[in-house]
ModelCIF file with pLDDT and N, C-alpha, C, O atoms, coordinates in Angstrom:
data_MODEL
#
_entry.id   MODEL 
#
_entity.id                         1 
_entity.type                       polymer 
_entity.pdbx_number_of_molecules   1 
#
_entity_poly.entity_id                      1 
_entity_poly.type                           'polypeptide(L)' 
_entity_poly.nstd_linkage                   no 
_entity_poly.nstd_monomer                   no 
_entity_poly.pdbx_seq_one_letter_code       QRTMRQTGRRRDQLPSGLVCLYGAAAGFAMWLTSY 
_entity_poly.pdbx_seq_one_letter_code_can   QRTMRQTGRRRDQLPSGLVCLYGAAAGFAMWLTSY 
_entity_poly.pdbx_strand_id                 A 
#
loop_
_entity_poly_seq.entity_id 
_entity_poly_seq.num 
_entity_poly_seq.mon_id 
_entity_poly_seq.hetero 
1 1  GLN n 
1 2  ARG n 
1 3  THR n 
1 4  MET n 
1 5  ARG n 
1 6  GLN n 
1 7  THR n 
1 8  GLY n 
1 9  ARG n 
1 10 ARG n 
1 11 ARG n 
1 12 ASP n 
1 13 GLN n 
1 14 LEU n 
1 15 PRO n 
1 16 SER n 
1 17 GLY n 
1 18 LEU n 
1 19 VAL n 
1 20 CYS n 
1 21 LEU n 
1 22 TYR n 
1 23 GLY n 
1 24 ALA n 
1 25 ALA n 
1 26 ALA n 
1 27 GLY n 
1 28 PHE n 
1 29 ALA n 
1 30 MET n 
1 31 TRP n 
1 32 LEU n 
1 33 THR n 
1 34 SER n 
1 35 TYR n 
#
_struct_asym.id          A 
_struct_asym.entity_id   1 
#
loop_
_ma_qa_metric.id 
_ma_qa_metric.mode 
_ma_qa_metric.name 
_ma_qa_metric.software_group_id 
_ma_qa_metric.type 
1 global pLDDT . pLDDT 
2 local  pLDDT . pLDDT 
#
_ma_qa_metric_global.metric_id      1 
_ma_qa_metric_global.metric_value   93.17 
_ma_qa_metric_global.model_id       1 
_ma_qa_metric_global.ordinal_id     1 
#
loop_
_ma_qa_metric_local.label_asym_id 
_ma_qa_metric_local.label_comp_id 
_ma_qa_metric_local.label_seq_id 
_ma_qa_metric_local.metric_id 
_ma_qa_metric_local.metric_value 
_ma_qa_metric_local.model_id 
_ma_qa_metric_local.ordinal_id 
A GLN 1  2 93.00 1 1  
A ARG 2  2 94.00 1 2  
A THR 3  2 95.00 1 3  
A MET 4  2 92.00 1 4  
A ARG 5  2 91.00 1 5  
A GLN 6  2 92.00 1 6  
A THR 7  2 92.00 1 7  
A GLY 8  2 90.00 1 8  
A ARG 9  2 90.00 1 9  
A ARG 10 2 89.00 1 10 
A ARG 11 2 87.00 1 11 
A ASP 12 2 86.00 1 12 
A GLN 13 2 90.00 1 13 
A LEU 14 2 91.00 1 14 
A PRO 15 2 92.00 1 15 
A SER 16 2 91.00 1 16 
A GLY 17 2 93.00 1 17 
A LEU 18 2 93.00 1 18 
A VAL 19 2 93.00 1 19 
A CYS 20 2 93.00 1 20 
A LEU 21 2 95.00 1 21 
A TYR 22 2 96.00 1 22 
A GLY 23 2 94.00 1 23 
A ALA 24 2 95.00 1 24 
A ALA 25 2 96.00 1 25 
A ALA 26 2 96.00 1 26 
A GLY 27 2 95.00 1 27 
A PHE 28 2 96.00 1 28 
A ALA 29 2 97.00 1 29 
A MET 30 2 96.00 1 30 
A TRP 31 2 95.00 1 31 
A LEU 32 2 95.00 1 32 
A THR 33 2 96.00 1 33 
A SER 34 2 96.00 1 34 
A TYR 35 2 96.00 1 35 
#
loop_
_atom_site.group_PDB 
_atom_site.id 
_atom_site.type_symbol 
_atom_site.label_atom_id 
_atom_site.label_alt_id 
_atom_site.label_comp_id 
_atom_site.label_asym_id 
_atom_site.label_entity_id 
_atom_site.label_seq_id 
_atom_site.pdbx_PDB_ins_code 
_atom_site.Cartn_x 
_atom_site.Cartn_y 
_atom_site.Cartn_z 
_atom_site.occupancy 
_atom_site.B_iso_or_equiv 
_atom_site.pdbx_formal_charge 
_atom_site.auth_seq_id 
_atom_site.auth_comp_id 
_atom_site.auth_asym_id 
_atom_site.auth_atom_id 
_atom_site.pdbx_PDB_model_num 
ATOM 1   N N  . GLN A 1 1  ? 1.418  -5.939 4.649   1.00 93.00 ? 1  GLN A N  1 
ATOM 2   C CA . GLN A 1 1  ? 1.264  -6.578 5.023   1.00 93.00 ? 1  GLN A CA 1 
ATOM 3   C C  . GLN A 1 1  ? 3.065  -6.395 4.871   1.00 93.00 ? 1  GLN A C  1 
ATOM 4   O O  . GLN A 1 1  ? 3.685  -5.422 5.300   1.00 93.00 ? 1  GLN A O  1 
ATOM 5   N N  . ARG A 1 2  ? 3.292  -6.836 4.606   1.00 94.00 ? 2  ARG A N  1 
ATOM 6   C CA . ARG A 1 2  ? 5.565  -6.468 4.078   1.00 94.00 ? 2  ARG A CA 1 
ATOM 7   C C  . ARG A 1 2  ? 5.899  -5.315 4.693   1.00 94.00 ? 2  ARG A C  1 
ATOM 8   O O  . ARG A 1 2  ? 7.045  -4.922 4.912   1.00 94.00 ? 2  ARG A O  1 
ATOM 9   N N  . THR A 1 3  ? 4.858  -4.760 4.978   1.00 95.00 ? 3  THR A N  1 
ATOM 10  C CA . THR A 1 3  ? 5.082  -3.452 5.789   1.00 95.00 ? 3  THR A CA 1 
ATOM 11  C C  . THR A 1 3  ? 5.701  -3.290 7.112   1.00 95.00 ? 3  THR A C  1 
ATOM 12  O O  . THR A 1 3  ? 6.588  -3.021 7.922   1.00 95.00 ? 3  THR A O  1 
ATOM 13  N N  . MET A 1 4  ? 4.113  -3.804 6.546   1.00 92.00 ? 4  MET A N  1 
ATOM 14  C CA . MET A 1 4  ? 4.144  -4.354 9.226   1.00 92.00 ? 4  MET A CA 1 
ATOM 15  C C  . MET A 1 4  ? 4.569  -5.821 9.371   1.00 92.00 ? 4  MET A C  1 
ATOM 16  O O  . MET A 1 4  ? 4.939  -6.237 10.469  1.00 92.00 ? 4  MET A O  1 
ATOM 17  N N  . ARG A 1 5  ? 4.534  -6.443 8.526   1.00 91.00 ? 5  ARG A N  1 
ATOM 18  C CA . ARG A 1 5  ? 6.176  -7.146 9.364   1.00 91.00 ? 5  ARG A CA 1 
ATOM 19  C C  . ARG A 1 5  ? 7.575  -6.484 8.819   1.00 91.00 ? 5  ARG A C  1 
ATOM 20  O O  . ARG A 1 5  ? 8.432  -7.301 9.156   1.00 91.00 ? 5  ARG A O  1 
ATOM 21  N N  . GLN A 1 6  ? 7.926  -5.892 8.448   1.00 92.00 ? 6  GLN A N  1 
ATOM 22  C CA . GLN A 1 6  ? 9.805  -5.268 7.667   1.00 92.00 ? 6  GLN A CA 1 
ATOM 23  C C  . GLN A 1 6  ? 9.756  -3.816 8.990   1.00 92.00 ? 6  GLN A C  1 
ATOM 24  O O  . GLN A 1 6  ? 10.742 -3.276 9.492   1.00 92.00 ? 6  GLN A O  1 
ATOM 25  N N  . THR A 1 7  ? 7.903  -3.416 9.335   1.00 92.00 ? 7  THR A N  1 
ATOM 26  C CA . THR A 1 7  ? 8.605  -2.554 10.119  1.00 92.00 ? 7  THR A CA 1 
ATOM 27  C C  . THR A 1 7  ? 8.387  -2.782 11.777  1.00 92.00 ? 7  THR A C  1 
ATOM 28  O O  . THR A 1 7  ? 9.136  -2.535 12.723  1.00 92.00 ? 7  THR A O  1 
ATOM 29  N N  . GLY A 1 8  ? 7.230  -3.277 11.724  1.00 90.00 ? 8  GLY A N  1 
ATOM 30  C CA . GLY A 1 8  ? 6.744  -4.445 12.808  1.00 90.00 ? 8  GLY A CA 1 
ATOM 31  C C  . GLY A 1 8  ? 5.581  -3.042 13.319  1.00 90.00 ? 8  GLY A C  1 
ATOM 32  O O  . GLY A 1 8  ? 5.327  -2.927 14.518  1.00 90.00 ? 8  GLY A O  1 
ATOM 33  N N  . ARG A 1 9  ? 5.103  -2.290 12.535  1.00 90.00 ? 9  ARG A N  1 
ATOM 34  C CA . ARG A 1 9  ? 4.035  -1.129 12.811  1.00 90.00 ? 9  ARG A CA 1 
ATOM 35  C C  . ARG A 1 9  ? 2.948  -1.860 12.527  1.00 90.00 ? 9  ARG A C  1 
ATOM 36  O O  . ARG A 1 9  ? 2.714  -2.757 11.717  1.00 90.00 ? 9  ARG A O  1 
ATOM 37  N N  . ARG A 1 10 ? 2.040  -1.043 13.733  1.00 89.00 ? 10 ARG A N  1 
ATOM 38  C CA . ARG A 1 10 ? 0.021  -1.758 13.100  1.00 89.00 ? 10 ARG A CA 1 
ATOM 39  C C  . ARG A 1 10 ? -0.241 -0.368 12.082  1.00 89.00 ? 10 ARG A C  1 
ATOM 40  O O  . ARG A 1 10 ? 0.312  0.732  12.087  1.00 89.00 ? 10 ARG A O  1 
ATOM 41  N N  . ARG A 1 11 ? -1.315 -0.923 11.232  1.00 87.00 ? 11 ARG A N  1 
ATOM 42  C CA . ARG A 1 11 ? -2.121 -0.782 10.440  1.00 87.00 ? 11 ARG A CA 1 
ATOM 43  C C  . ARG A 1 11 ? -1.583 0.525  10.439  1.00 87.00 ? 11 ARG A C  1 
ATOM 44  O O  . ARG A 1 11 ? -0.856 1.180  9.691   1.00 87.00 ? 11 ARG A O  1 
ATOM 45  N N  . ASP A 1 12 ? -2.667 0.843  12.427  1.00 86.00 ? 12 ASP A N  1 
ATOM 46  C CA . ASP A 1 12 ? -3.748 2.150  12.243  1.00 86.00 ? 12 ASP A CA 1 
ATOM 47  C C  . ASP A 1 12 ? -1.923 3.025  12.175  1.00 86.00 ? 12 ASP A C  1 
ATOM 48  O O  . ASP A 1 12 ? -2.005 4.173  11.739  1.00 86.00 ? 12 ASP A O  1 
ATOM 49  N N  . GLN A 1 13 ? -0.712 2.653  12.482  1.00 90.00 ? 13 GLN A N  1 
ATOM 50  C CA . GLN A 1 13 ? 0.943  3.469  11.970  1.00 90.00 ? 13 GLN A CA 1 
ATOM 51  C C  . GLN A 1 13 ? 1.126  3.627  11.339  1.00 90.00 ? 13 GLN A C  1 
ATOM 52  O O  . GLN A 1 13 ? 1.962  4.530  11.388  1.00 90.00 ? 13 GLN A O  1 
ATOM 53  N N  . LEU A 1 14 ? 0.761  3.133  9.673   1.00 91.00 ? 14 LEU A N  1 
ATOM 54  C CA . LEU A 1 14 ? 1.382  3.819  8.443   1.00 91.00 ? 14 LEU A CA 1 
ATOM 55  C C  . LEU A 1 14 ? 1.527  4.860  8.344   1.00 91.00 ? 14 LEU A C  1 
ATOM 56  O O  . LEU A 1 14 ? 0.612  5.498  8.864   1.00 91.00 ? 14 LEU A O  1 
ATOM 57  N N  . PRO A 1 15 ? 2.522  5.630  7.760   1.00 92.00 ? 15 PRO A N  1 
ATOM 58  C CA . PRO A 1 15 ? 2.185  7.311  7.436   1.00 92.00 ? 15 PRO A CA 1 
ATOM 59  C C  . PRO A 1 15 ? 1.274  7.161  5.920   1.00 92.00 ? 15 PRO A C  1 
ATOM 60  O O  . PRO A 1 15 ? 1.452  6.514  4.888   1.00 92.00 ? 15 PRO A O  1 
ATOM 61  N N  . SER A 1 16 ? 0.336  8.019  6.349   1.00 91.00 ? 16 SER A N  1 
ATOM 62  C CA . SER A 1 16 ? -0.380 8.654  5.981   1.00 91.00 ? 16 SER A CA 1 
ATOM 63  C C  . SER A 1 16 ? 0.090  8.512  3.641   1.00 91.00 ? 16 SER A C  1 
ATOM 64  O O  . SER A 1 16 ? -0.571 8.166  2.663   1.00 91.00 ? 16 SER A O  1 
ATOM 65  N N  . GLY A 1 17 ? 1.587  9.043  3.871   1.00 93.00 ? 17 GLY A N  1 
ATOM 66  C CA . GLY A 1 17 ? 2.284  9.073  1.881   1.00 93.00 ? 17 GLY A CA 1 
ATOM 67  C C  . GLY A 1 17 ? 1.926  7.874  1.924   1.00 93.00 ? 17 GLY A C  1 
ATOM 68  O O  . GLY A 1 17 ? 0.967  7.732  1.165   1.00 93.00 ? 17 GLY A O  1 
ATOM 69  N N  . LEU A 1 18 ? 2.362  6.395  2.707   1.00 93.00 ? 18 LEU A N  1 
ATOM 70  C CA . LEU A 1 18 ? 2.976  5.465  2.250   1.00 93.00 ? 18 LEU A CA 1 
ATOM 71  C C  . LEU A 1 18 ? 1.494  4.805  2.074   1.00 93.00 ? 18 LEU A C  1 
ATOM 72  O O  . LEU A 1 18 ? 1.640  3.583  2.035   1.00 93.00 ? 18 LEU A O  1 
ATOM 73  N N  . VAL A 1 19 ? 0.028  5.192  1.945   1.00 93.00 ? 19 VAL A N  1 
ATOM 74  C CA . VAL A 1 19 ? -0.885 4.568  2.639   1.00 93.00 ? 19 VAL A CA 1 
ATOM 75  C C  . VAL A 1 19 ? -0.964 4.139  0.671   1.00 93.00 ? 19 VAL A C  1 
ATOM 76  O O  . VAL A 1 19 ? -0.882 3.185  -0.103  1.00 93.00 ? 19 VAL A O  1 
ATOM 77  N N  . CYS A 1 20 ? -1.244 6.127  0.708   1.00 93.00 ? 20 CYS A N  1 
ATOM 78  C CA . CYS A 1 20 ? -1.031 7.086  -0.964  1.00 93.00 ? 20 CYS A CA 1 
ATOM 79  C C  . CYS A 1 20 ? -0.511 6.114  -1.911  1.00 93.00 ? 20 CYS A C  1 
ATOM 80  O O  . CYS A 1 20 ? -1.033 5.451  -2.807  1.00 93.00 ? 20 CYS A O  1 
ATOM 81  N N  . LEU A 1 21 ? 0.801  6.232  -1.401  1.00 95.00 ? 21 LEU A N  1 
ATOM 82  C CA . LEU A 1 21 ? 1.858  5.418  -2.688  1.00 95.00 ? 21 LEU A CA 1 
ATOM 83  C C  . LEU A 1 21 ? 1.188  3.648  -2.505  1.00 95.00 ? 21 LEU A C  1 
ATOM 84  O O  . LEU A 1 21 ? 1.099  2.908  -3.485  1.00 95.00 ? 21 LEU A O  1 
ATOM 85  N N  . TYR A 1 22 ? 0.962  3.409  -1.727  1.00 96.00 ? 22 TYR A N  1 
ATOM 86  C CA . TYR A 1 22 ? 0.557  1.499  -1.965  1.00 96.00 ? 22 TYR A CA 1 
ATOM 87  C C  . TYR A 1 22 ? -0.883 1.051  -2.193  1.00 96.00 ? 22 TYR A C  1 
ATOM 88  O O  . TYR A 1 22 ? -1.181 -0.097 -2.522  1.00 96.00 ? 22 TYR A O  1 
ATOM 89  N N  . GLY A 1 23 ? -2.156 2.495  -1.903  1.00 94.00 ? 23 GLY A N  1 
ATOM 90  C CA . GLY A 1 23 ? -3.148 2.968  -3.342  1.00 94.00 ? 23 GLY A CA 1 
ATOM 91  C C  . GLY A 1 23 ? -3.080 2.765  -4.626  1.00 94.00 ? 23 GLY A C  1 
ATOM 92  O O  . GLY A 1 23 ? -3.335 1.801  -5.347  1.00 94.00 ? 23 GLY A O  1 
ATOM 93  N N  . ALA A 1 24 ? -2.432 4.554  -4.920  1.00 95.00 ? 24 ALA A N  1 
ATOM 94  C CA . ALA A 1 24 ? -2.169 3.945  -5.863  1.00 95.00 ? 24 ALA A CA 1 
ATOM 95  C C  . ALA A 1 24 ? -0.937 2.849  -7.114  1.00 95.00 ? 24 ALA A C  1 
ATOM 96  O O  . ALA A 1 24 ? -0.806 2.649  -8.322  1.00 95.00 ? 24 ALA A O  1 
ATOM 97  N N  . ALA A 1 25 ? -0.488 2.555  -6.195  1.00 96.00 ? 25 ALA A N  1 
ATOM 98  C CA . ALA A 1 25 ? -0.622 1.082  -7.053  1.00 96.00 ? 25 ALA A CA 1 
ATOM 99  C C  . ALA A 1 25 ? -0.918 0.524  -6.553  1.00 96.00 ? 25 ALA A C  1 
ATOM 100 O O  . ALA A 1 25 ? 0.082  -0.143 -6.290  1.00 96.00 ? 25 ALA A O  1 
ATOM 101 N N  . ALA A 1 26 ? -2.365 -0.230 -5.618  1.00 96.00 ? 26 ALA A N  1 
ATOM 102 C CA . ALA A 1 26 ? -3.473 -1.329 -6.178  1.00 96.00 ? 26 ALA A CA 1 
ATOM 103 C C  . ALA A 1 26 ? -4.300 -0.700 -7.095  1.00 96.00 ? 26 ALA A C  1 
ATOM 104 O O  . ALA A 1 26 ? -4.784 -1.639 -7.727  1.00 96.00 ? 26 ALA A O  1 
ATOM 105 N N  . GLY A 1 27 ? -5.013 0.943  -7.808  1.00 95.00 ? 27 GLY A N  1 
ATOM 106 C CA . GLY A 1 27 ? -5.059 1.512  -9.132  1.00 95.00 ? 27 GLY A CA 1 
ATOM 107 C C  . GLY A 1 27 ? -4.858 0.626  -10.712 1.00 95.00 ? 27 GLY A C  1 
ATOM 108 O O  . GLY A 1 27 ? -5.589 0.208  -11.610 1.00 95.00 ? 27 GLY A O  1 
ATOM 109 N N  . PHE A 1 28 ? -3.202 0.661  -10.335 1.00 96.00 ? 28 PHE A N  1 
ATOM 110 C CA . PHE A 1 28 ? -2.514 0.706  -11.072 1.00 96.00 ? 28 PHE A CA 1 
ATOM 111 C C  . PHE A 1 28 ? -2.433 -1.109 -11.834 1.00 96.00 ? 28 PHE A C  1 
ATOM 112 O O  . PHE A 1 28 ? -2.460 -1.522 -12.994 1.00 96.00 ? 28 PHE A O  1 
ATOM 113 N N  . ALA A 1 29 ? -2.332 -1.754 -10.540 1.00 97.00 ? 29 ALA A N  1 
ATOM 114 C CA . ALA A 1 29 ? -1.980 -3.369 -10.937 1.00 97.00 ? 29 ALA A CA 1 
ATOM 115 C C  . ALA A 1 29 ? -3.623 -3.528 -11.513 1.00 97.00 ? 29 ALA A C  1 
ATOM 116 O O  . ALA A 1 29 ? -3.937 -4.418 -12.303 1.00 97.00 ? 29 ALA A O  1 
ATOM 117 N N  . MET A 1 30 ? -4.885 -2.215 -10.819 1.00 96.00 ? 30 MET A N  1 
ATOM 118 C CA . MET A 1 30 ? -6.383 -3.292 -11.585 1.00 96.00 ? 30 MET A CA 1 
ATOM 119 C C  . MET A 1 30 ? -6.373 -2.959 -12.795 1.00 96.00 ? 30 MET A C  1 
ATOM 120 O O  . MET A 1 30 ? -6.772 -3.733 -13.664 1.00 96.00 ? 30 MET A O  1 
ATOM 121 N N  . TRP A 1 31 ? -5.812 -1.472 -13.121 1.00 95.00 ? 31 TRP A N  1 
ATOM 122 C CA . TRP A 1 31 ? -6.076 -1.429 -14.488 1.00 95.00 ? 31 TRP A CA 1 
ATOM 123 C C  . TRP A 1 31 ? -5.085 -2.210 -15.163 1.00 95.00 ? 31 TRP A C  1 
ATOM 124 O O  . TRP A 1 31 ? -5.374 -3.342 -15.548 1.00 95.00 ? 31 TRP A O  1 
ATOM 125 N N  . LEU A 1 32 ? -4.148 -1.809 -15.314 1.00 95.00 ? 32 LEU A N  1 
ATOM 126 C CA . LEU A 1 32 ? -2.693 -2.101 -15.985 1.00 95.00 ? 32 LEU A CA 1 
ATOM 127 C C  . LEU A 1 32 ? -3.453 -3.946 -16.535 1.00 95.00 ? 32 LEU A C  1 
ATOM 128 O O  . LEU A 1 32 ? -3.252 -4.342 -17.683 1.00 95.00 ? 32 LEU A O  1 
ATOM 129 N N  . THR A 1 33 ? -4.259 -4.813 -15.520 1.00 96.00 ? 33 THR A N  1 
ATOM 130 C CA . THR A 1 33 ? -4.888 -5.222 -15.802 1.00 96.00 ? 33 THR A CA 1 
ATOM 131 C C  . THR A 1 33 ? -6.089 -6.393 -16.448 1.00 96.00 ? 33 THR A C  1 
ATOM 132 O O  . THR A 1 33 ? -6.470 -7.554 -16.598 1.00 96.00 ? 33 THR A O  1 
ATOM 133 N N  . SER A 1 34 ? -6.305 -4.645 -16.699 1.00 96.00 ? 34 SER A N  1 
ATOM 134 C CA . SER A 1 34 ? -8.153 -5.332 -16.939 1.00 96.00 ? 34 SER A CA 1 
ATOM 135 C C  . SER A 1 34 ? -8.549 -4.479 -17.877 1.00 96.00 ? 34 SER A C  1 
ATOM 136 O O  . SER A 1 34 ? -9.537 -4.867 -18.501 1.00 96.00 ? 34 SER A O  1 
ATOM 137 N N  . TYR A 1 35 ? -8.035 -3.263 -18.245 1.00 96.00 ? 35 TYR A N  1 
ATOM 138 C CA . TYR A 1 35 ? -8.304 -2.718 -19.274 1.00 96.00 ? 35 TYR A CA 1 
ATOM 139 C C  . TYR A 1 35 ? -9.109 -2.705 -20.786 1.00 96.00 ? 35 TYR A C  1 
ATOM 140 O O  . TYR A 1 35 ? -9.004 -1.732 -21.532 1.00 96.00 ? 35 TYR A O  1 
#
């Protein structure tokens, strides 16, 4: 959501690299709080 607001891009226009980076961040957020 933050990237879409800042860049004005639609969700399907986000670069694959950013999707992967945000997915990795989501994984860390999950496991660091639930391990």
